[in-house]
Protein backbone atom coordinates (compact mmCIF):
# COMPACT_ATOMS: atom_id res chain seq x y z
CA UNK A 1 97.01 100.93 99.35
CA UNK A 2 96.29 98.27 96.76
CA UNK A 3 94.90 99.21 93.36
CA UNK A 4 93.30 97.41 90.45
CA UNK A 5 95.96 95.78 88.31
CA UNK A 6 98.64 95.71 91.01
CA UNK A 7 100.99 92.77 90.63
CA UNK A 8 101.72 91.19 93.99
CA UNK A 9 104.48 88.86 95.18
CA UNK A 10 102.76 86.39 97.52
CA UNK A 11 104.71 83.86 99.64
CA UNK A 12 104.03 80.44 98.13
CA UNK A 13 106.07 78.03 100.23
CA UNK A 14 109.69 76.89 100.15
CA UNK A 15 110.88 80.50 99.96
CA UNK A 16 109.17 81.03 96.60
CA UNK A 17 107.00 83.99 95.72
CA UNK A 18 103.96 83.48 93.52
CA UNK A 19 102.90 86.26 91.19
CA UNK A 20 99.35 87.45 91.75
CA UNK A 21 97.25 90.36 90.55
CA UNK A 22 94.48 92.46 92.04
CA UNK A 23 91.66 92.03 89.50
CA UNK A 24 89.10 94.15 91.36
CA UNK A 25 89.46 96.19 94.56
CA UNK A 26 86.58 96.89 96.94
CA UNK A 27 87.94 98.93 99.86
CA UNK A 28 90.08 96.69 102.06
CA UNK A 29 89.08 93.55 100.14
CA UNK A 30 90.21 92.54 96.67
CA UNK A 31 89.91 89.77 94.11
CA UNK A 32 93.30 88.08 93.79
CA UNK A 33 94.28 86.01 90.78
CA UNK A 34 97.43 83.90 90.88
CA UNK A 35 99.08 82.52 87.79
CA UNK A 36 101.20 79.64 86.53
CA UNK A 37 104.32 81.70 85.87
CA UNK A 38 107.33 79.77 87.13
CA UNK A 39 110.38 81.90 87.80
CA UNK A 40 109.83 85.61 87.23
CA UNK A 41 111.80 88.79 87.57
CA UNK A 42 110.23 92.02 88.84
CA UNK A 43 112.24 93.99 86.25
CA UNK A 44 110.42 92.19 83.39
CA UNK A 45 106.81 92.32 84.61
CA UNK A 46 105.57 94.37 81.64
CA UNK A 47 106.53 91.65 79.19
CA UNK A 48 106.10 88.48 81.25
CA UNK A 49 103.43 86.00 80.14
CA UNK A 50 101.25 85.43 83.19
CA UNK A 51 100.27 81.91 82.14
CA UNK A 52 97.27 79.92 83.29
CA UNK A 53 95.05 81.28 86.04
CA UNK A 54 95.39 79.08 89.14
CA UNK A 55 93.59 80.63 92.11
CA UNK A 56 90.88 83.28 91.99
CA UNK A 57 89.90 84.35 95.50
CA UNK A 58 88.60 87.30 97.40
CA UNK A 59 90.93 88.22 100.25
CA UNK A 60 91.80 91.12 102.53
CA UNK A 61 94.60 93.62 101.93
CA UNK A 62 96.12 93.17 105.41
CA UNK A 63 99.12 91.20 104.08
CA UNK A 64 99.83 94.00 101.59
CA UNK A 65 99.50 96.70 104.25
CA UNK A 66 101.84 94.90 106.66
CA UNK A 67 104.41 94.25 103.88
CA UNK A 68 104.20 90.46 103.80
CA UNK A 69 102.77 90.65 100.25
CA UNK A 70 104.76 93.08 98.12
CA UNK A 71 103.33 95.15 95.26
CA UNK A 72 105.92 94.72 92.51
CA UNK A 73 104.22 96.42 89.56
CA UNK A 74 100.93 97.18 87.85
CA UNK A 75 99.35 96.30 84.55
CA UNK A 76 95.86 96.04 83.14
CA UNK A 77 94.16 92.79 84.24
CA UNK A 78 93.37 90.26 81.51
CA UNK A 79 89.83 90.90 80.27
CA UNK A 80 89.38 87.12 79.99
CA UNK A 81 89.32 86.70 83.78
CA UNK A 82 85.68 86.31 84.71
CA UNK A 83 84.79 88.16 87.90
CA UNK A 84 82.78 85.74 90.04
CA UNK A 85 79.17 86.10 91.06
CA UNK A 86 77.75 84.36 94.10
CA UNK A 87 74.59 82.73 95.41
CA UNK A 88 73.09 84.43 98.46
CA UNK A 89 69.89 83.70 100.37
CA UNK A 90 67.61 86.74 100.67
CA UNK A 91 64.74 87.28 103.07
CA UNK A 92 63.21 85.01 105.68
CA UNK A 93 62.41 82.29 103.14
CA UNK A 94 66.04 82.16 102.04
CA UNK A 95 65.22 82.44 98.33
CA UNK A 96 68.49 82.35 96.39
CA UNK A 97 69.65 85.38 94.46
CA UNK A 98 72.78 86.21 92.48
CA UNK A 99 75.12 88.79 94.02
CA UNK A 100 78.00 90.46 92.22
CA UNK A 101 81.47 91.03 93.66
CA UNK A 102 80.46 94.45 94.98
CA UNK A 103 77.57 93.06 97.03
CA UNK A 104 74.82 94.19 94.66
CA UNK A 105 71.93 91.78 94.06
CA UNK A 106 71.75 91.05 90.33
CA UNK A 107 68.47 89.12 90.42
CA UNK A 108 66.84 85.83 91.36
CA UNK A 109 68.99 82.73 90.84
CA UNK A 110 68.05 80.46 87.96
CA UNK A 111 68.51 76.68 88.07
CA UNK A 112 71.70 77.17 86.05
CA UNK A 113 72.96 79.72 88.61
CA UNK A 114 72.27 77.29 91.47
CA UNK A 115 74.23 74.56 89.66
CA UNK A 116 77.20 76.75 88.74
CA UNK A 117 77.63 79.49 91.36
CA UNK A 118 79.08 79.11 94.84
CA UNK A 119 78.05 80.93 98.00
CA UNK A 120 79.94 84.14 98.76
CA UNK A 121 83.30 83.48 100.44
CA UNK A 122 86.36 85.48 101.34
CA UNK A 123 89.67 83.91 102.37
CA UNK A 124 92.28 85.17 104.81
CA UNK A 125 95.72 85.97 103.40
CA UNK A 126 97.18 83.21 105.60
CA UNK A 127 94.85 80.62 104.02
CA UNK A 128 95.78 81.87 100.54
CA UNK A 129 99.48 81.43 101.38
CA UNK A 130 98.78 77.94 102.75
CA UNK A 131 96.94 76.96 99.55
CA UNK A 132 99.79 78.29 97.39
CA UNK A 133 102.34 76.36 99.48
CA UNK A 134 100.22 73.20 99.22
CA UNK A 135 100.00 73.56 95.46
CA UNK A 136 103.81 73.82 95.37
CA UNK A 137 104.09 70.63 97.44
CA UNK A 138 105.38 72.34 100.59
CA UNK A 139 102.19 71.71 102.60
CA UNK A 140 99.41 69.14 102.63
CA UNK A 141 96.60 69.84 100.14
CA UNK A 142 93.27 70.29 101.91
CA UNK A 143 89.90 69.72 100.22
CA UNK A 144 89.05 73.30 101.12
CA UNK A 145 91.65 74.53 98.63
CA UNK A 146 89.70 72.99 95.72
CA UNK A 147 87.08 75.74 95.99
CA UNK A 148 89.80 78.38 95.66
CA UNK A 149 90.91 77.14 92.25
CA UNK A 150 89.83 79.29 89.32
CA UNK A 151 86.86 77.76 87.57
CA UNK A 152 86.00 75.42 90.45
CA UNK A 153 82.43 74.22 90.83
CA UNK A 154 80.42 74.98 93.97
CA UNK A 155 80.80 72.50 96.79
């Protein structure tokens, strides 16, 4: 079972493994951050500099449970990683509200929220792997991967 702070080796194309981390865990779904690390060694994970945040996506733990994604360590997530909030329509009129990562409605969306927040999305582990491989140049980059980048604007 995956836990908050788990460091995860995710296939990233061309036989490489990208280092990711579970930032928040909500049952069988978790917020995965991947980092600009370069080559890394599982024996040095406590001291390794994670580097720039690349992807920040919600995904399912199926790839961890089936062993395709390997938990290689655990450390406290960087407090600087902002957990996303989402825009969701509520009620028959579809008025937009802000929802947190746990599905709780925070309140009505402001104009700033509408301009800066994306709708709620979760990505399959296979799509995450494809995006990582595309970023490494092993696959074609799809426009859809832009929204998976950390700090991306809503589409």
